[in-house]
Amino acid sequence: VGGVLLLVLGYFIWYQMFFLPANEKSKDSYWEGLNYAKKDSTEVAVEEFRAAVRKYDGKVGGEVAQFLYARQLMSQGEFKKAFNELEEVDLEDSYVSVLCVGL
């Protein structure tokens, strides 16, 4: 009983101390790529989004960056790579999830 309690307590401490702060930090990871995409610097935007996806995959910001990365790949005409990226996007946001299916 004590071991299970210690395990559950350890999980909650890890979640609060490591996962949540990293998740919040990930939400700021894709803005630079968006700025480049807005200026039609597609190549630079792709590199920024790719770096954000590598660093924060599995977190909210990383998943949004992956969606944006796929959109930039589509604008370059790389539809197969974009489709593969969109298949890996896993968001609880229904709006972005529907956009992934629609693209």
N, C-alpha and C. Protein backbone atom coordinates (compact mmCIF):
# COMPACT_ATOMS: atom_id res chain seq x y z
N VAL A 1 0.83 -1.19 0.00
CA VAL A 1 0.00 0.00 0.00
C VAL A 1 0.88 1.25 0.00
N GLY A 2 1.91 1.23 0.80
CA GLY A 2 2.81 2.39 0.88
C GLY A 2 3.55 2.63 -0.42
N GLY A 3 3.92 1.54 -1.11
CA GLY A 3 4.62 1.66 -2.39
C GLY A 3 3.74 2.26 -3.48
N VAL A 4 2.47 1.85 -3.49
CA VAL A 4 1.53 2.39 -4.47
C VAL A 4 1.29 3.87 -4.19
N LEU A 5 1.14 4.22 -2.94
CA LEU A 5 0.95 5.61 -2.56
C LEU A 5 2.16 6.46 -2.95
N LEU A 6 3.35 5.92 -2.73
CA LEU A 6 4.57 6.63 -3.10
C LEU A 6 4.67 6.78 -4.62
N LEU A 7 4.25 5.76 -5.36
CA LEU A 7 4.26 5.82 -6.81
C LEU A 7 3.29 6.87 -7.34
N VAL A 8 2.09 6.92 -6.79
CA VAL A 8 1.09 7.92 -7.21
C VAL A 8 1.57 9.32 -6.84
N LEU A 9 2.12 9.48 -5.68
CA LEU A 9 2.63 10.78 -5.25
C LEU A 9 3.80 11.23 -6.15
N GLY A 10 4.66 10.30 -6.51
CA GLY A 10 5.78 10.60 -7.40
C GLY A 10 5.29 11.05 -8.77
N TYR A 11 4.24 10.41 -9.27
CA TYR A 11 3.68 10.80 -10.57
C TYR A 11 3.14 12.23 -10.51
N PHE A 12 2.40 12.55 -9.48
CA PHE A 12 1.83 13.90 -9.38
C PHE A 12 2.91 14.96 -9.22
N ILE A 13 3.96 14.64 -8.51
CA ILE A 13 5.07 15.59 -8.37
C ILE A 13 5.75 15.79 -9.72
N TRP A 14 6.00 14.70 -10.46
CA TRP A 14 6.60 14.81 -11.79
C TRP A 14 5.71 15.64 -12.72
N TYR A 15 4.41 15.38 -12.67
CA TYR A 15 3.47 16.08 -13.54
C TYR A 15 3.47 17.58 -13.26
N GLN A 16 3.45 17.94 -11.98
CA GLN A 16 3.41 19.35 -11.61
C GLN A 16 4.75 20.06 -11.80
N MET A 17 5.84 19.38 -11.56
CA MET A 17 7.16 20.02 -11.59
C MET A 17 7.81 20.01 -12.97
N PHE A 18 7.50 19.02 -13.79
CA PHE A 18 8.21 18.89 -15.08
C PHE A 18 7.29 18.99 -16.29
N PHE A 19 6.20 18.23 -16.29
CA PHE A 19 5.36 18.21 -17.49
C PHE A 19 4.62 19.52 -17.71
N LEU A 20 3.94 20.04 -16.72
CA LEU A 20 3.16 21.26 -16.90
C LEU A 20 4.02 22.46 -17.30
N PRO A 21 5.16 22.71 -16.66
CA PRO A 21 5.99 23.84 -17.12
C PRO A 21 6.50 23.66 -18.55
N ALA A 22 6.88 22.45 -18.91
CA ALA A 22 7.35 22.20 -20.28
C ALA A 22 6.21 22.37 -21.28
N ASN A 23 5.01 21.99 -20.88
CA ASN A 23 3.85 22.14 -21.75
C ASN A 23 3.55 23.62 -21.97
N GLU A 24 3.64 24.42 -20.93
CA GLU A 24 3.41 25.87 -21.07
C GLU A 24 4.48 26.51 -21.94
N LYS A 25 5.72 26.08 -21.76
CA LYS A 25 6.81 26.63 -22.57
C LYS A 25 6.64 26.25 -24.04
N SER A 26 6.09 25.08 -24.30
CA SER A 26 5.91 24.62 -25.68
C SER A 26 4.91 25.48 -26.44
N LYS A 27 4.00 26.11 -25.72
CA LYS A 27 2.99 26.94 -26.39
C LYS A 27 3.58 28.18 -27.03
N ASP A 28 4.79 28.56 -26.65
CA ASP A 28 5.46 29.70 -27.26
C ASP A 28 6.44 29.30 -28.35
N SER A 29 6.50 28.02 -28.67
CA SER A 29 7.55 27.53 -29.56
C SER A 29 7.30 27.78 -31.03
N TYR A 30 6.08 28.00 -31.43
CA TYR A 30 5.80 28.07 -32.87
C TYR A 30 5.56 29.48 -33.39
N TRP A 31 5.62 30.48 -32.53
CA TRP A 31 5.31 31.85 -32.97
C TRP A 31 6.34 32.40 -33.96
N GLU A 32 7.57 32.06 -33.77
CA GLU A 32 8.60 32.55 -34.68
C GLU A 32 8.38 31.99 -36.09
N GLY A 33 8.03 30.73 -36.17
CA GLY A 33 7.72 30.12 -37.46
C GLY A 33 6.50 30.76 -38.11
N LEU A 34 5.50 31.11 -37.28
CA LEU A 34 4.32 31.79 -37.83
C LEU A 34 4.68 33.15 -38.41
N ASN A 35 5.58 33.85 -37.75
CA ASN A 35 6.01 35.15 -38.28
C ASN A 35 6.69 35.00 -39.63
N TYR A 36 7.52 33.98 -39.78
CA TYR A 36 8.17 33.73 -41.07
C TYR A 36 7.15 33.32 -42.13
N ALA A 37 6.17 32.51 -41.74
CA ALA A 37 5.15 32.08 -42.69
C ALA A 37 4.32 33.28 -43.17
N LYS A 38 4.08 34.20 -42.26
CA LYS A 38 3.31 35.41 -42.62
C LYS A 38 4.07 36.25 -43.64
N LYS A 39 5.39 36.25 -43.55
CA LYS A 39 6.22 37.02 -44.48
C LYS A 39 6.53 36.23 -45.76
N ASP A 40 5.90 35.08 -45.93
CA ASP A 40 6.12 34.20 -47.08
C ASP A 40 7.54 33.66 -47.15
N SER A 41 8.19 33.51 -46.02
CA SER A 41 9.50 32.86 -45.94
C SER A 41 9.26 31.39 -45.59
N THR A 42 8.75 30.65 -46.55
CA THR A 42 8.30 29.29 -46.29
C THR A 42 9.43 28.38 -45.83
N GLU A 43 10.59 28.48 -46.46
CA GLU A 43 11.72 27.60 -46.10
C GLU A 43 12.14 27.82 -44.64
N VAL A 44 12.24 29.07 -44.24
CA VAL A 44 12.64 29.38 -42.86
C VAL A 44 11.55 28.94 -41.90
N ALA A 45 10.29 29.16 -42.28
CA ALA A 45 9.17 28.74 -41.42
C ALA A 45 9.17 27.24 -41.23
N VAL A 46 9.45 26.49 -42.29
CA VAL A 46 9.50 25.03 -42.20
C VAL A 46 10.58 24.59 -41.22
N GLU A 47 11.74 25.23 -41.28
CA GLU A 47 12.83 24.89 -40.35
C GLU A 47 12.44 25.21 -38.90
N GLU A 48 11.80 26.34 -38.70
CA GLU A 48 11.38 26.72 -37.33
C GLU A 48 10.34 25.73 -36.79
N PHE A 49 9.37 25.39 -37.63
CA PHE A 49 8.34 24.45 -37.18
C PHE A 49 8.92 23.06 -36.95
N ARG A 50 9.84 22.63 -37.80
CA ARG A 50 10.46 21.32 -37.63
C ARG A 50 11.21 21.25 -36.30
N ALA A 51 11.92 22.32 -35.97
CA ALA A 51 12.65 22.35 -34.70
C ALA A 51 11.69 22.31 -33.51
N ALA A 52 10.58 23.03 -33.61
CA ALA A 52 9.60 23.03 -32.52
C ALA A 52 8.95 21.66 -32.37
N VAL A 53 8.69 21.00 -33.49
CA VAL A 53 8.09 19.66 -33.43
C VAL A 53 9.06 18.69 -32.77
N ARG A 54 10.33 18.74 -33.14
CA ARG A 54 11.33 17.84 -32.54
C ARG A 54 11.45 18.06 -31.03
N LYS A 55 11.46 19.33 -30.64
CA LYS A 55 11.70 19.64 -29.23
C LYS A 55 10.47 19.40 -28.35
N TYR A 56 9.28 19.70 -28.86
CA TYR A 56 8.08 19.66 -28.03
C TYR A 56 7.02 18.68 -28.51
N ASP A 57 7.39 17.66 -29.24
CA ASP A 57 6.40 16.69 -29.70
C ASP A 57 5.74 16.02 -28.50
N GLY A 58 4.43 15.90 -28.56
CA GLY A 58 3.67 15.31 -27.47
C GLY A 58 3.10 16.34 -26.52
N LYS A 59 3.53 17.56 -26.65
CA LYS A 59 2.99 18.64 -25.84
C LYS A 59 2.12 19.51 -26.74
N VAL A 60 1.30 20.36 -26.16
CA VAL A 60 0.34 21.14 -26.94
C VAL A 60 1.03 21.99 -28.00
N GLY A 61 2.05 22.72 -27.63
CA GLY A 61 2.76 23.57 -28.58
C GLY A 61 3.42 22.78 -29.69
N GLY A 62 3.94 21.62 -29.37
CA GLY A 62 4.56 20.77 -30.38
C GLY A 62 3.55 20.23 -31.38
N GLU A 63 2.36 19.91 -30.91
CA GLU A 63 1.33 19.41 -31.81
C GLU A 63 0.81 20.52 -32.72
N VAL A 64 0.65 21.72 -32.19
CA VAL A 64 0.24 22.86 -33.02
C VAL A 64 1.34 23.17 -34.05
N ALA A 65 2.59 23.11 -33.61
CA ALA A 65 3.70 23.35 -34.53
C ALA A 65 3.72 22.28 -35.62
N GLN A 66 3.37 21.06 -35.28
CA GLN A 66 3.34 19.99 -36.27
C GLN A 66 2.24 20.24 -37.30
N PHE A 67 1.09 20.73 -36.86
CA PHE A 67 0.02 21.09 -37.78
C PHE A 67 0.48 22.21 -38.72
N LEU A 68 1.10 23.23 -38.16
CA LEU A 68 1.57 24.36 -38.96
C LEU A 68 2.70 23.93 -39.90
N TYR A 69 3.53 23.02 -39.44
CA TYR A 69 4.60 22.46 -40.27
C TYR A 69 4.00 21.76 -41.49
N ALA A 70 2.96 20.97 -41.26
CA ALA A 70 2.30 20.27 -42.36
C ALA A 70 1.68 21.27 -43.34
N ARG A 71 1.11 22.34 -42.83
CA ARG A 71 0.52 23.36 -43.71
C ARG A 71 1.60 24.00 -44.59
N GLN A 72 2.76 24.25 -44.02
CA GLN A 72 3.85 24.83 -44.82
C GLN A 72 4.36 23.84 -45.86
N LEU A 73 4.40 22.56 -45.49
CA LEU A 73 4.80 21.54 -46.47
C LEU A 73 3.80 21.51 -47.62
N MET A 74 2.53 21.67 -47.30
CA MET A 74 1.52 21.68 -48.36
C MET A 74 1.71 22.88 -49.28
N SER A 75 2.08 24.01 -48.72
CA SER A 75 2.28 25.20 -49.56
C SER A 75 3.51 25.05 -50.46
N GLN A 76 4.41 24.15 -50.08
CA GLN A 76 5.58 23.86 -50.92
C GLN A 76 5.28 22.74 -51.92
N GLY A 77 4.10 22.15 -51.83
CA GLY A 77 3.73 21.09 -52.75
C GLY A 77 4.15 19.70 -52.30
N GLU A 78 4.61 19.56 -51.07
CA GLU A 78 5.03 18.26 -50.53
C GLU A 78 3.86 17.62 -49.78
N PHE A 79 2.85 17.19 -50.54
CA PHE A 79 1.60 16.73 -49.95
C PHE A 79 1.73 15.41 -49.21
N LYS A 80 2.57 14.52 -49.68
CA LYS A 80 2.75 13.23 -49.01
C LYS A 80 3.36 13.41 -47.62
N LYS A 81 4.40 14.23 -47.54
CA LYS A 81 5.03 14.51 -46.24
C LYS A 81 4.05 15.23 -45.33
N ALA A 82 3.28 16.16 -45.90
CA ALA A 82 2.30 16.90 -45.10
C ALA A 82 1.23 15.97 -44.55
N PHE A 83 0.77 15.05 -45.38
CA PHE A 83 -0.24 14.08 -44.93
C PHE A 83 0.29 13.23 -43.79
N ASN A 84 1.54 12.78 -43.89
CA ASN A 84 2.15 11.99 -42.81
C ASN A 84 2.23 12.79 -41.52
N GLU A 85 2.58 14.05 -41.63
CA GLU A 85 2.66 14.90 -40.43
C GLU A 85 1.27 15.11 -39.83
N LEU A 86 0.27 15.34 -40.68
CA LEU A 86 -1.09 15.57 -40.18
C LEU A 86 -1.65 14.33 -39.50
N GLU A 87 -1.26 13.16 -39.95
CA GLU A 87 -1.72 11.93 -39.30
C GLU A 87 -1.19 11.81 -37.88
N GLU A 88 -0.04 12.41 -37.61
CA GLU A 88 0.58 12.30 -36.29
C GLU A 88 0.13 13.40 -35.33
N VAL A 89 -0.61 14.39 -35.82
CA VAL A 89 -1.08 15.47 -34.95
C VAL A 89 -2.16 14.90 -34.03
N ASP A 90 -1.97 15.11 -32.73
CA ASP A 90 -2.91 14.59 -31.74
C ASP A 90 -3.28 15.73 -30.79
N LEU A 91 -4.40 16.37 -31.08
CA LEU A 91 -4.86 17.48 -30.26
C LEU A 91 -6.25 17.20 -29.73
N GLU A 92 -6.53 17.73 -28.56
CA GLU A 92 -7.87 17.61 -27.99
C GLU A 92 -8.77 18.75 -28.48
N ASP A 93 -8.19 19.74 -29.13
CA ASP A 93 -8.94 20.86 -29.67
C ASP A 93 -9.75 20.39 -30.87
N SER A 94 -11.06 20.50 -30.81
CA SER A 94 -11.89 19.98 -31.88
C SER A 94 -11.74 20.79 -33.17
N TYR A 95 -11.49 22.08 -33.07
CA TYR A 95 -11.36 22.92 -34.26
C TYR A 95 -10.14 22.52 -35.09
N VAL A 96 -8.99 22.41 -34.46
CA VAL A 96 -7.78 22.03 -35.18
C VAL A 96 -7.85 20.58 -35.63
N SER A 97 -8.46 19.72 -34.85
CA SER A 97 -8.61 18.32 -35.25
C SER A 97 -9.45 18.20 -36.52
N VAL A 98 -10.51 19.00 -36.61
CA VAL A 98 -11.35 18.99 -37.81
C VAL A 98 -10.57 19.55 -38.99
N LEU A 99 -9.76 20.57 -38.76
CA LEU A 99 -8.92 21.10 -39.84
C LEU A 99 -7.95 20.04 -40.35
N CYS A 100 -7.39 19.25 -39.47
CA CYS A 100 -6.48 18.18 -39.88
C CYS A 100 -7.18 17.19 -40.78
N VAL A 101 -8.40 16.83 -40.43
CA VAL A 101 -9.15 15.88 -41.24
C VAL A 101 -9.53 16.51 -42.57
N GLY A 102 -9.88 17.79 -42.55
CA GLY A 102 -10.30 18.48 -43.76
C GLY A 102 -9.19 18.71 -44.74
N LEU A 103 -7.96 18.82 -44.27
CA LEU A 103 -6.85 19.06 -45.17
C LEU A 103 -6.46 17.78 -45.84
